[in-house]
């Protein structure tokens, strides 16, 4: 599929898709005319990339992580090393801390809202 169709199907801009390609996150074949041609699997890959960005990971970490996430058979990849697992566990702990901080902030805002409404 062409880049415009991939952008439409994933809700990701063409510019972002080009960026993913330059960062090694996404690959496309080239047509004889030089246009990008993405496989059907690119849709799921782009969605996965978006999820990882939303989790706060940087493109360099995502580039390391993507090949390790699943083999074609759906099982864990052989290149998912213990160090990678440790790194991912640390990333998850960072996200957990962010969630806890956001919940505390929300509680504070709720208190302020409640106090302001009571005036």
Protein backbone atom coordinates (compact mmCIF):
# COMPACT_ATOMS: atom_id res chain seq x y z
CA UNK A 1 0.00 0.00 0.00
CA UNK A 2 1.13 3.54 -0.59
CA UNK A 3 2.01 5.95 2.20
CA UNK A 4 -1.28 7.86 1.91
CA UNK A 5 -3.31 4.72 2.46
CA UNK A 6 -1.17 3.70 5.45
CA UNK A 7 -1.62 7.17 6.90
CA UNK A 8 -5.38 6.98 6.41
CA UNK A 9 -5.70 3.50 7.91
CA UNK A 10 -3.59 4.30 10.98
CA UNK A 11 -4.46 7.95 11.56
CA UNK A 12 -0.74 8.79 11.47
CA UNK A 13 0.55 11.58 9.25
CA UNK A 14 2.66 10.84 6.20
CA UNK A 15 5.39 12.96 7.76
CA UNK A 16 5.42 10.74 10.85
CA UNK A 17 5.54 7.62 8.69
CA UNK A 18 8.58 9.01 6.86
CA UNK A 19 10.18 9.77 10.24
CA UNK A 20 9.53 6.20 11.39
CA UNK A 21 11.28 4.98 8.28
CA UNK A 22 14.34 7.18 8.85
CA UNK A 23 14.53 5.93 12.45
CA UNK A 24 14.46 2.29 11.31
CA UNK A 25 11.03 1.66 12.84
CA UNK A 26 9.22 1.02 9.57
CA UNK A 27 10.34 -0.35 6.22
CA UNK A 28 8.92 0.11 2.77
CA UNK A 29 9.84 -1.31 -0.59
CA UNK A 30 10.14 1.14 -3.47
CA UNK A 31 8.16 0.95 -6.66
CA UNK A 32 10.01 1.46 -9.97
CA UNK A 33 8.73 5.05 -9.80
CA UNK A 34 10.28 5.53 -6.36
CA UNK A 35 7.06 5.47 -4.34
CA UNK A 36 6.96 3.75 -0.97
CA UNK A 37 5.08 0.46 -0.94
CA UNK A 38 4.19 -0.88 2.52
CA UNK A 39 3.09 -4.42 3.31
CA UNK A 40 -0.24 -5.08 5.04
CA UNK A 41 1.63 -5.81 8.30
CA UNK A 42 2.74 -2.16 8.39
CA UNK A 43 -0.69 -1.18 9.75
CA UNK A 44 -0.20 -3.21 12.92
CA UNK A 45 3.41 -2.09 13.20
CA UNK A 46 2.47 1.60 13.03
CA UNK A 47 -0.20 1.08 15.67
CA UNK A 48 2.38 -0.65 17.89
CA UNK A 49 4.84 2.21 17.34
CA UNK A 50 2.17 4.72 18.34
CA UNK A 51 1.42 2.73 21.52
CA UNK A 52 5.10 2.70 22.45
CA UNK A 53 5.46 6.44 21.82
CA UNK A 54 2.35 7.01 23.96
CA UNK A 55 4.01 4.98 26.72
CA UNK A 56 6.84 7.52 26.69
CA UNK A 57 9.52 5.54 24.90
CA UNK A 58 11.92 7.29 22.54
CA UNK A 59 12.41 6.22 18.94
CA UNK A 60 15.84 4.72 19.65
CA UNK A 61 14.37 2.50 22.39
CA UNK A 62 11.45 1.57 20.15
CA UNK A 63 13.90 0.59 17.39
CA UNK A 64 15.60 -1.77 19.85
CA UNK A 65 12.33 -3.12 21.15
CA UNK A 66 10.24 -3.77 18.03
CA UNK A 67 12.24 -6.71 16.71
CA UNK A 68 12.06 -8.37 20.13
CA UNK A 69 8.34 -8.11 20.76
CA UNK A 70 6.97 -11.05 18.79
CA UNK A 71 8.17 -13.53 16.28
CA UNK A 72 5.97 -14.37 13.31
CA UNK A 73 4.51 -17.30 15.27
CA UNK A 74 3.37 -14.95 18.06
CA UNK A 75 5.89 -16.24 20.58
CA UNK A 76 8.60 -14.22 22.29
CA UNK A 77 11.52 -13.37 20.09
CA UNK A 78 14.82 -15.17 20.57
CA UNK A 79 16.57 -11.80 20.65
CA UNK A 80 14.56 -10.62 23.68
CA UNK A 81 17.57 -10.74 25.98
CA UNK A 82 17.50 -10.62 29.79
CA UNK A 83 18.96 -7.09 29.60
CA UNK A 84 16.11 -5.98 27.36
CA UNK A 85 13.63 -7.49 29.81
CA UNK A 86 15.32 -5.55 32.63
CA UNK A 87 15.19 -2.35 30.58
CA UNK A 88 11.52 -2.87 29.81
CA UNK A 89 10.76 -3.60 33.45
CA UNK A 90 12.42 -0.30 34.34
CA UNK A 91 10.34 1.50 31.68
CA UNK A 92 7.18 -0.04 33.12
CA UNK A 93 8.18 1.10 36.62
CA UNK A 94 8.73 4.63 35.25
CA UNK A 95 5.25 4.59 33.72
CA UNK A 96 3.79 3.34 37.01
CA UNK A 97 5.44 6.28 38.80
CA UNK A 98 4.02 8.69 36.23
CA UNK A 99 0.54 7.24 36.72
CA UNK A 100 0.83 7.60 40.50
CA UNK A 101 1.99 11.22 40.11
CA UNK A 102 -0.91 11.98 37.78
CA UNK A 103 -3.40 10.42 40.19
CA UNK A 104 -2.05 12.58 43.02
CA UNK A 105 -2.35 15.65 40.81
CA UNK A 106 -5.92 14.73 39.95
CA UNK A 107 -6.76 14.28 43.64
CA UNK A 108 -5.32 17.72 44.39
CA UNK A 109 -7.35 19.26 41.57
CA UNK A 110 -10.48 17.52 42.86
CA UNK A 111 -9.88 19.02 46.30
CA UNK A 112 -9.40 22.50 44.85
CA UNK A 113 -12.51 22.15 42.68
CA UNK A 114 -14.55 20.95 45.63
CA UNK A 115 -13.32 23.82 47.79
CA UNK A 116 -14.03 26.37 45.06
CA UNK A 117 -17.53 25.03 44.52
CA UNK A 118 -18.25 25.21 48.23
CA UNK A 119 -17.70 28.98 48.39
